[in-house]
Every structure is written in structure tokens, then in C-alpha cells.
Amino acid sequence: MTTQVIVRIDPDLKNKVSRLAKAEGKNVSEIIRELLESYVKNRDIGQYIDELWERIGTKIKKHGFSKDDIDSIIHQVRTKND
């Protein structure tokens, strides 16, 4: 279920957004939803960390690293940074 939000913006900005949305085959509501989803995604640290672990896991599997390889790499990095 969706809900309505009333946002007050400058008429010139609304007209510009309307024109840009129309050029993309969208309406203003779709543009605002996309912007809000992007805003939340970019600020949701939990989601960011989950996606980061997913990317790391994919790379680890792609390169065929084992648990021992990972432990060794972590040890090397920590030793290097001390």
C-alpha cells in the first residue's frame, strides 16, 4: 500500500522536473519516488554493509579463495598496518 506526501516546491522547479520527467517517459511522482529511494539507500548503513559483504563474497568465490587464504590475507594486512 502506498501513501501520499504533500511537498511544497517552487513552481519553476516543479515545471523543470515535469519537463525532465516527461522527457524520460515518467511522471513527477515517479521521479520523486526514485529520488527518495536513492536518498534512503545512500544513507542506510546497514544496507550498504550488506551489499558490501555480498560483493566481497562474490569476489572471494570468483577467485576461489579458501578460509585459510582469507585468514592469511587478513593477517598480512594487519601486520602491514601495524
PDB file of N, CA and C in Angstrom:
ATOM      1  N   MET A   1       0.841  -1.175   0.000  1.00  0.00           N
ATOM      2  CA  MET A   1       0.000   0.000   0.000  1.00  0.00           C
ATOM      3  C   MET A   1       0.888   1.241   0.000  1.00  0.00           C
ATOM      4  N   THR A   2       0.504   2.230  -0.746  1.00  0.00           N
ATOM      5  CA  THR A   2       1.248   3.481  -0.789  1.00  0.00           C
ATOM      6  C   THR A   2       0.502   4.553  -0.004  1.00  0.00           C
ATOM      7  N   THR A   3       1.212   5.634   0.244  1.00  0.00           N
ATOM      8  CA  THR A   3       0.615   6.751   0.962  1.00  0.00           C
ATOM      9  C   THR A   3       1.029   8.045   0.265  1.00  0.00           C
ATOM     10  N   GLN A   4       0.275   9.070   0.480  1.00  0.00           N
ATOM     11  CA  GLN A   4       0.562  10.363  -0.131  1.00  0.00           C
ATOM     12  C   GLN A   4       1.403  11.219   0.794  1.00  0.00           C
ATOM     13  N   VAL A   5       2.258  12.018   0.168  1.00  0.00           N
ATOM     14  CA  VAL A   5       3.047  13.015   0.873  1.00  0.00           C
ATOM     15  C   VAL A   5       2.882  14.319   0.110  1.00  0.00           C
ATOM     16  N   ILE A   6       2.617  15.370   0.824  1.00  0.00           N
ATOM     17  CA  ILE A   6       2.487  16.677   0.184  1.00  0.00           C
ATOM     18  C   ILE A   6       3.805  17.422   0.366  1.00  0.00           C
ATOM     19  N   VAL A   7       4.372  17.856  -0.759  1.00  0.00           N
ATOM     20  CA  VAL A   7       5.641  18.576  -0.741  1.00  0.00           C
ATOM     21  C   VAL A   7       5.425  19.905  -1.453  1.00  0.00           C
ATOM     22  N   ARG A   8       5.875  20.957  -0.833  1.00  0.00           N
ATOM     23  CA  ARG A   8       5.753  22.272  -1.453  1.00  0.00           C
ATOM     24  C   ARG A   8       7.099  22.647  -2.063  1.00  0.00           C
ATOM     25  N   ILE A   9       7.069  22.951  -3.364  1.00  0.00           N
ATOM     26  CA  ILE A   9       8.294  23.364  -4.044  1.00  0.00           C
ATOM     27  C   ILE A   9       7.996  24.586  -4.911  1.00  0.00           C
ATOM     28  N   ASP A  10       9.043  25.255  -5.278  1.00  0.00           N
ATOM     29  CA  ASP A  10       8.942  26.424  -6.135  1.00  0.00           C
ATOM     30  C   ASP A  10       8.299  26.032  -7.476  1.00  0.00           C
ATOM     31  N   PRO A  11       7.388  26.829  -7.991  1.00  0.00           N
ATOM     32  CA  PRO A  11       6.728  26.492  -9.259  1.00  0.00           C
ATOM     33  C   PRO A  11       7.712  26.287 -10.422  1.00  0.00           C
ATOM     34  N   ASP A  12       8.776  27.080 -10.467  1.00  0.00           N
ATOM     35  CA  ASP A  12       9.748  26.902 -11.547  1.00  0.00           C
ATOM     36  C   ASP A  12      10.421  25.533 -11.463  1.00  0.00           C
ATOM     37  N   LEU A  13      10.753  25.108 -10.248  1.00  0.00           N
ATOM     38  CA  LEU A  13      11.366  23.797 -10.064  1.00  0.00           C
ATOM     39  C   LEU A  13      10.395  22.698 -10.485  1.00  0.00           C
ATOM     40  N   LYS A  14       9.125  22.856 -10.107  1.00  0.00           N
ATOM     41  CA  LYS A  14       8.119  21.853 -10.484  1.00  0.00           C
ATOM     42  C   LYS A  14       8.003  21.746 -11.994  1.00  0.00           C
ATOM     43  N   ASN A  15       8.013  22.890 -12.669  1.00  0.00           N
ATOM     44  CA  ASN A  15       7.915  22.873 -14.130  1.00  0.00           C
ATOM     45  C   ASN A  15       9.128  22.187 -14.760  1.00  0.00           C
ATOM     46  N   LYS A  16      10.312  22.470 -14.226  1.00  0.00           N
ATOM     47  CA  LYS A  16      11.529  21.841 -14.760  1.00  0.00           C
ATOM     48  C   LYS A  16      11.491  20.329 -14.535  1.00  0.00           C
ATOM     49  N   VAL A  17      11.102  19.930 -13.337  1.00  0.00           N
ATOM     50  CA  VAL A  17      11.017  18.499 -13.035  1.00  0.00           C
ATOM     51  C   VAL A  17       9.974  17.841 -13.940  1.00  0.00           C
ATOM     52  N   SER A  18       8.861  18.491 -14.142  1.00  0.00           N
ATOM     53  CA  SER A  18       7.807  17.945 -15.005  1.00  0.00           C
ATOM     54  C   SER A  18       8.315  17.733 -16.424  1.00  0.00           C
ATOM     55  N   ARG A  19       9.045  18.722 -16.937  1.00  0.00           N
ATOM     56  CA  ARG A  19       9.587  18.606 -18.303  1.00  0.00           C
ATOM     57  C   ARG A  19      10.599  17.469 -18.399  1.00  0.00           C
ATOM     58  N   LEU A  20      11.491  17.390 -17.408  1.00  0.00           N
ATOM     59  CA  LEU A  20      12.504  16.333 -17.422  1.00  0.00           C
ATOM     60  C   LEU A  20      11.863  14.950 -17.274  1.00  0.00           C
ATOM     61  N   ALA A  21      10.883  14.854 -16.394  1.00  0.00           N
ATOM     62  CA  ALA A  21      10.193  13.581 -16.197  1.00  0.00           C
ATOM     63  C   ALA A  21       9.501  13.149 -17.483  1.00  0.00           C
ATOM     64  N   LYS A  22       8.824  14.082 -18.125  1.00  0.00           N
ATOM     65  CA  LYS A  22       8.121  13.786 -19.368  1.00  0.00           C
ATOM     66  C   LYS A  22       9.096  13.311 -20.437  1.00  0.00           C
ATOM     67  N   ALA A  23      10.274  13.947 -20.496  1.00  0.00           N
ATOM     68  CA  ALA A  23      11.288  13.555 -21.477  1.00  0.00           C
ATOM     69  C   ALA A  23      11.765  12.118 -21.236  1.00  0.00           C
ATOM     70  N   GLU A  24      11.688  11.669 -19.986  1.00  0.00           N
ATOM     71  CA  GLU A  24      12.103  10.309 -19.627  1.00  0.00           C
ATOM     72  C   GLU A  24      10.926   9.331 -19.661  1.00  0.00           C
ATOM     73  N   GLY A  25       9.748   9.838 -20.011  1.00  0.00           N
ATOM     74  CA  GLY A  25       8.571   8.973 -20.049  1.00  0.00           C
ATOM     75  C   GLY A  25       8.040   8.649 -18.664  1.00  0.00           C
ATOM     76  N   LYS A  26       8.279   9.538 -17.725  1.00  0.00           N
ATOM     77  CA  LYS A  26       7.849   9.326 -16.344  1.00  0.00           C
ATOM     78  C   LYS A  26       6.978  10.493 -15.903  1.00  0.00           C
ATOM     79  N   ASN A  27       6.392  10.351 -14.713  1.00  0.00           N
ATOM     80  CA  ASN A  27       5.683  11.491 -14.130  1.00  0.00           C
ATOM     81  C   ASN A  27       6.471  11.979 -12.916  1.00  0.00           C
ATOM     82  N   VAL A  28       6.076  13.108 -12.374  1.00  0.00           N
ATOM     83  CA  VAL A  28       6.795  13.716 -11.251  1.00  0.00           C
ATOM     84  C   VAL A  28       6.811  12.782 -10.044  1.00  0.00           C
ATOM     85  N   SER A  29       5.725  12.085  -9.792  1.00  0.00           N
ATOM     86  CA  SER A  29       5.675  11.164  -8.657  1.00  0.00           C
ATOM     87  C   SER A  29       6.734  10.071  -8.787  1.00  0.00           C
ATOM     88  N   GLU A  30       6.914   9.549  -9.991  1.00  0.00           N
ATOM     89  CA  GLU A  30       7.936   8.513 -10.195  1.00  0.00           C
ATOM     90  C   GLU A  30       9.337   9.057  -9.916  1.00  0.00           C
ATOM     91  N   ILE A  31       9.596  10.275 -10.369  1.00  0.00           N
ATOM     92  CA  ILE A  31      10.904  10.897 -10.144  1.00  0.00           C
ATOM     93  C   ILE A  31      11.144  11.086  -8.643  1.00  0.00           C
ATOM     94  N   ILE A  32      10.141  11.584  -7.950  1.00  0.00           N
ATOM     95  CA  ILE A  32      10.285  11.823  -6.507  1.00  0.00           C
ATOM     96  C   ILE A  32      10.479  10.507  -5.766  1.00  0.00           C
ATOM     97  N   ARG A  33       9.740   9.451  -6.150  1.00  0.00           N
ATOM     98  CA  ARG A  33       9.930   8.139  -5.517  1.00  0.00           C
ATOM     99  C   ARG A  33      11.360   7.637  -5.726  1.00  0.00           C
ATOM    100  N   GLU A  34      11.866   7.769  -6.958  1.00  0.00           N
ATOM    101  CA  GLU A  34      13.239   7.337  -7.256  1.00  0.00           C
ATOM    102  C   GLU A  34      14.251   8.116  -6.417  1.00  0.00           C
ATOM    103  N   LEU A  35      14.048   9.411  -6.317  1.00  0.00           N
ATOM    104  CA  LEU A  35      14.971  10.239  -5.534  1.00  0.00           C
ATOM    105  C   LEU A  35      14.951   9.848  -4.056  1.00  0.00           C
ATOM    106  N   LEU A  36      13.760   9.617  -3.503  1.00  0.00           N
ATOM    107  CA  LEU A  36      13.653   9.236  -2.100  1.00  0.00           C
ATOM    108  C   LEU A  36      14.257   7.854  -1.848  1.00  0.00           C
ATOM    109  N   GLU A  37      14.023   6.919  -2.775  1.00  0.00           N
ATOM    110  CA  GLU A  37      14.615   5.587  -2.629  1.00  0.00           C
ATOM    111  C   GLU A  37      16.136   5.674  -2.662  1.00  0.00           C
ATOM    112  N   SER A  38      16.673   6.475  -3.558  1.00  0.00           N
ATOM    113  CA  SER A  38      18.120   6.666  -3.650  1.00  0.00           C
ATOM    114  C   SER A  38      18.659   7.320  -2.387  1.00  0.00           C
ATOM    115  N   TYR A  39      17.952   8.306  -1.880  1.00  0.00           N
ATOM    116  CA  TYR A  39      18.355   9.013  -0.667  1.00  0.00           C
ATOM    117  C   TYR A  39      18.471   8.048   0.511  1.00  0.00           C
ATOM    118  N   VAL A  40      17.439   7.228   0.686  1.00  0.00           N
ATOM    119  CA  VAL A  40      17.430   6.271   1.793  1.00  0.00           C
ATOM    120  C   VAL A  40      18.522   5.227   1.596  1.00  0.00           C
ATOM    121  N   LYS A  41      18.646   4.712   0.386  1.00  0.00           N
ATOM    122  CA  LYS A  41      19.662   3.689   0.103  1.00  0.00           C
ATOM    123  C   LYS A  41      21.060   4.214   0.398  1.00  0.00           C
ATOM    124  N   ASN A  42      21.338   5.446   0.024  1.00  0.00           N
ATOM    125  CA  ASN A  42      22.667   6.020   0.222  1.00  0.00           C
ATOM    126  C   ASN A  42      22.972   6.322   1.679  1.00  0.00           C
ATOM    127  N   ARG A  43      21.957   6.353   2.519  1.00  0.00           N
ATOM    128  CA  ARG A  43      22.169   6.686   3.922  1.00  0.00           C
ATOM    129  C   ARG A  43      21.902   5.523   4.877  1.00  0.00           C
ATOM    130  N   ASP A  44      21.473   4.406   4.322  1.00  0.00           N
ATOM    131  CA  ASP A  44      21.173   3.229   5.135  1.00  0.00           C
ATOM    132  C   ASP A  44      22.439   2.396   5.264  1.00  0.00           C
ATOM    133  N   ILE A  45      23.194   2.610   6.340  1.00  0.00           N
ATOM    134  CA  ILE A  45      24.491   1.968   6.522  1.00  0.00           C
ATOM    135  C   ILE A  45      24.357   0.454   6.582  1.00  0.00           C
ATOM    136  N   GLY A  46      23.287  -0.047   7.180  1.00  0.00           N
ATOM    137  CA  GLY A  46      23.085  -1.491   7.255  1.00  0.00           C
ATOM    138  C   GLY A  46      22.976  -2.113   5.873  1.00  0.00           C
ATOM    139  N   GLN A  47      22.199  -1.494   5.023  1.00  0.00           N
ATOM    140  CA  GLN A  47      22.038  -1.998   3.662  1.00  0.00           C
ATOM    141  C   GLN A  47      23.358  -1.891   2.909  1.00  0.00           C
ATOM    142  N   TYR A  48      24.076  -0.790   3.114  1.00  0.00           N
ATOM    143  CA  TYR A  48      25.369  -0.606   2.458  1.00  0.00           C
ATOM    144  C   TYR A  48      26.332  -1.724   2.854  1.00  0.00           C
ATOM    145  N   ILE A  49      26.383  -2.036   4.150  1.00  0.00           N
ATOM    146  CA  ILE A  49      27.292  -3.079   4.633  1.00  0.00           C
ATOM    147  C   ILE A  49      26.876  -4.440   4.079  1.00  0.00           C
ATOM    148  N   ASP A  50      25.581  -4.730   4.049  1.00  0.00           N
ATOM    149  CA  ASP A  50      25.113  -5.991   3.479  1.00  0.00           C
ATOM    150  C   ASP A  50      25.534  -6.122   2.016  1.00  0.00           C
ATOM    151  N   GLU A  51      25.375  -5.053   1.249  1.00  0.00           N
ATOM    152  CA  GLU A  51      25.760  -5.080  -0.160  1.00  0.00           C
ATOM    153  C   GLU A  51      27.271  -5.218  -0.314  1.00  0.00           C
ATOM    154  N   LEU A  52      28.027  -4.571   0.583  1.00  0.00           N
ATOM    155  CA  LEU A  52      29.480  -4.681   0.554  1.00  0.00           C
ATOM    156  C   LEU A  52      29.903  -6.128   0.809  1.00  0.00           C
ATOM    157  N   TRP A  53      29.336  -6.780   1.821  1.00  0.00           N
ATOM    158  CA  TRP A  53      29.668  -8.169   2.104  1.00  0.00           C
ATOM    159  C   TRP A  53      29.290  -9.061   0.928  1.00  0.00           C
ATOM    160  N   GLU A  54      28.180  -8.771   0.287  1.00  0.00           N
ATOM    161  CA  GLU A  54      27.756  -9.552  -0.882  1.00  0.00           C
ATOM    162  C   GLU A  54      28.789  -9.441  -2.004  1.00  0.00           C
ATOM    163  N   ARG A  55      29.267  -8.210  -2.254  1.00  0.00           N
ATOM    164  CA  ARG A  55      30.280  -8.015  -3.306  1.00  0.00           C
ATOM    165  C   ARG A  55      31.585  -8.712  -2.945  1.00  0.00           C
ATOM    166  N   ILE A  56      31.983  -8.601  -1.680  1.00  0.00           N
ATOM    167  CA  ILE A  56      33.215  -9.257  -1.227  1.00  0.00           C
ATOM    168  C   ILE A  56      33.081 -10.771  -1.384  1.00  0.00           C
ATOM    169  N   GLY A  57      31.964 -11.317  -0.939  1.00  0.00           N
ATOM    170  CA  GLY A  57      31.739 -12.762  -1.054  1.00  0.00           C
ATOM    171  C   GLY A  57      31.786 -13.239  -2.491  1.00  0.00           C
ATOM    172  N   THR A  58      31.200 -12.461  -3.388  1.00  0.00           N
ATOM    173  CA  THR A  58      31.205 -12.817  -4.805  1.00  0.00           C
ATOM    174  C   THR A  58      32.633 -12.840  -5.351  1.00  0.00           C
ATOM    175  N   LYS A  59      33.437 -11.848  -4.979  1.00  0.00           N
ATOM    176  CA  LYS A  59      34.828 -11.807  -5.442  1.00  0.00           C
ATOM    177  C   LYS A  59      35.643 -12.955  -4.868  1.00  0.00           C
ATOM    178  N   ILE A  60      35.403 -13.268  -3.597  1.00  0.00           N
ATOM    179  CA  ILE A  60      36.121 -14.374  -2.962  1.00  0.00           C
ATOM    180  C   ILE A  60      35.815 -15.682  -3.692  1.00  0.00           C
ATOM    181  N   LYS A  61      34.543 -15.923  -3.967  1.00  0.00           N
ATOM    182  CA  LYS A  61      34.149 -17.144  -4.678  1.00  0.00           C
ATOM    183  C   LYS A  61      34.722 -17.168  -6.094  1.00  0.00           C
ATOM    184  N   LYS A  62      34.690 -16.015  -6.766  1.00  0.00           N
ATOM    185  CA  LYS A  62      35.186 -15.914  -8.140  1.00  0.00           C
ATOM    186  C   LYS A  62      36.668 -16.293  -8.226  1.00  0.00           C
ATOM    187  N   HIS A  63      37.432 -15.879  -7.220  1.00  0.00           N
ATOM    188  CA  HIS A  63      38.872 -16.139  -7.222  1.00  0.00           C
ATOM    189  C   HIS A  63      39.235 -17.462  -6.549  1.00  0.00           C
ATOM    190  N   GLY A  64      38.257 -18.152  -5.995  1.00  0.00           N
ATOM    191  CA  GLY A  64      38.488 -19.460  -5.411  1.00  0.00           C
ATOM    192  C   GLY A  64      39.279 -19.468  -4.115  1.00  0.00           C
ATOM    193  N   PHE A  65      39.195 -18.389  -3.349  1.00  0.00           N
ATOM    194  CA  PHE A  65      39.911 -18.329  -2.076  1.00  0.00           C
ATOM    195  C   PHE A  65      39.274 -19.264  -1.059  1.00  0.00           C
ATOM    196  N   SER A  66      40.107 -19.833  -0.198  1.00  0.00           N
ATOM    197  CA  SER A  66      39.621 -20.671   0.900  1.00  0.00           C
ATOM    198  C   SER A  66      39.622 -19.857   2.187  1.00  0.00           C
ATOM    199  N   LYS A  67      39.084 -20.453   3.263  1.00  0.00           N
ATOM    200  CA  LYS A  67      39.087 -19.787   4.559  1.00  0.00           C
ATOM    201  C   LYS A  67      40.525 -19.497   4.998  1.00  0.00           C
ATOM    202  N   ASP A  68      41.426 -20.452   4.763  1.00  0.00           N
ATOM    203  CA  ASP A  68      42.832 -20.251   5.138  1.00  0.00           C
ATOM    204  C   ASP A  68      43.451 -19.091   4.357  1.00  0.00           C
ATOM    205  N   ASP A  69      43.086 -18.967   3.079  1.00  0.00           N
ATOM    206  CA  ASP A  69      43.580 -17.843   2.273  1.00  0.00           C
ATOM    207  C   ASP A  69      43.126 -16.518   2.875  1.00  0.00           C
ATOM    208  N   ILE A  70      41.852 -16.453   3.261  1.00  0.00           N
ATOM    209  CA  ILE A  70      41.287 -15.227   3.821  1.00  0.00           C
ATOM    210  C   ILE A  70      41.986 -14.883   5.127  1.00  0.00           C
ATOM    211  N   ASP A  71      42.155 -15.893   5.999  1.00  0.00           N
ATOM    212  CA  ASP A  71      42.847 -15.654   7.275  1.00  0.00           C
ATOM    213  C   ASP A  71      44.260 -15.134   7.032  1.00  0.00           C
ATOM    214  N   SER A  72      44.946 -15.702   6.065  1.00  0.00           N
ATOM    215  CA  SER A  72      46.319 -15.282   5.749  1.00  0.00           C
ATOM    216  C   SER A  72      46.353 -13.850   5.224  1.00  0.00           C
ATOM    217  N   ILE A  73      45.427 -13.527   4.355  1.00  0.00           N
ATOM    218  CA  ILE A  73      45.368 -12.171   3.789  1.00  0.00           C
ATOM    219  C   ILE A  73      45.083 -11.152   4.894  1.00  0.00           C
ATOM    220  N   ILE A  74      44.138 -11.465   5.775  1.00  0.00           N
ATOM    221  CA  ILE A  74      43.824 -10.557   6.887  1.00  0.00           C
ATOM    222  C   ILE A  74      45.055 -10.364   7.763  1.00  0.00           C
ATOM    223  N   HIS A  75      45.751 -11.452   8.069  1.00  0.00           N
ATOM    224  CA  HIS A  75      46.968 -11.374   8.887  1.00  0.00           C
ATOM    225  C   HIS A  75      48.016 -10.487   8.211  1.00  0.00           C
ATOM    226  N   GLN A  76      48.206 -10.655   6.901  1.00  0.00           N
ATOM    227  CA  GLN A  76      49.180  -9.858   6.159  1.00  0.00           C
ATOM    228  C   GLN A  76      48.843  -8.366   6.218  1.00  0.00           C
ATOM    229  N   VAL A  77      47.587  -8.060   6.015  1.00  0.00           N
ATOM    230  CA  VAL A  77      47.155  -6.655   6.019  1.00  0.00           C
ATOM    231  C   VAL A  77      47.325  -6.056   7.407  1.00  0.00           C
ATOM    232  N   ARG A  78      46.906  -6.795   8.429  1.00  0.00           N
ATOM    233  CA  ARG A  78      47.026  -6.271   9.801  1.00  0.00           C
ATOM    234  C   ARG A  78      48.485  -6.092  10.194  1.00  0.00           C
ATOM    235  N   THR A  79      49.357  -7.016   9.791  1.00  0.00           N
ATOM    236  CA  THR A  79      50.785  -6.902  10.093  1.00  0.00           C
ATOM    237  C   THR A  79      51.403  -5.704   9.374  1.00  0.00           C
ATOM    238  N   LYS A  80      50.983  -5.524   8.140  1.00  0.00           N
ATOM    239  CA  LYS A  80      51.481  -4.411   7.323  1.00  0.00           C
ATOM    240  C   LYS A  80      51.077  -3.057   7.918  1.00  0.00           C
ATOM    241  N   ASN A  81      49.891  -2.986   8.498  1.00  0.00           N
ATOM    242  CA  ASN A  81      49.359  -1.726   9.026  1.00  0.00           C
ATOM    243  C   ASN A  81      49.790  -1.429  10.454  1.00  0.00           C
ATOM    244  N   ASP A  82      50.509  -2.343  11.106  1.00  0.00           N
ATOM    245  CA  ASP A  82      50.963  -2.102  12.485  1.00  0.00           C
ATOM    246  C   ASP A  82      52.177  -1.214  12.512  1.00  0.00           C
TER     247      ASP A  82
END
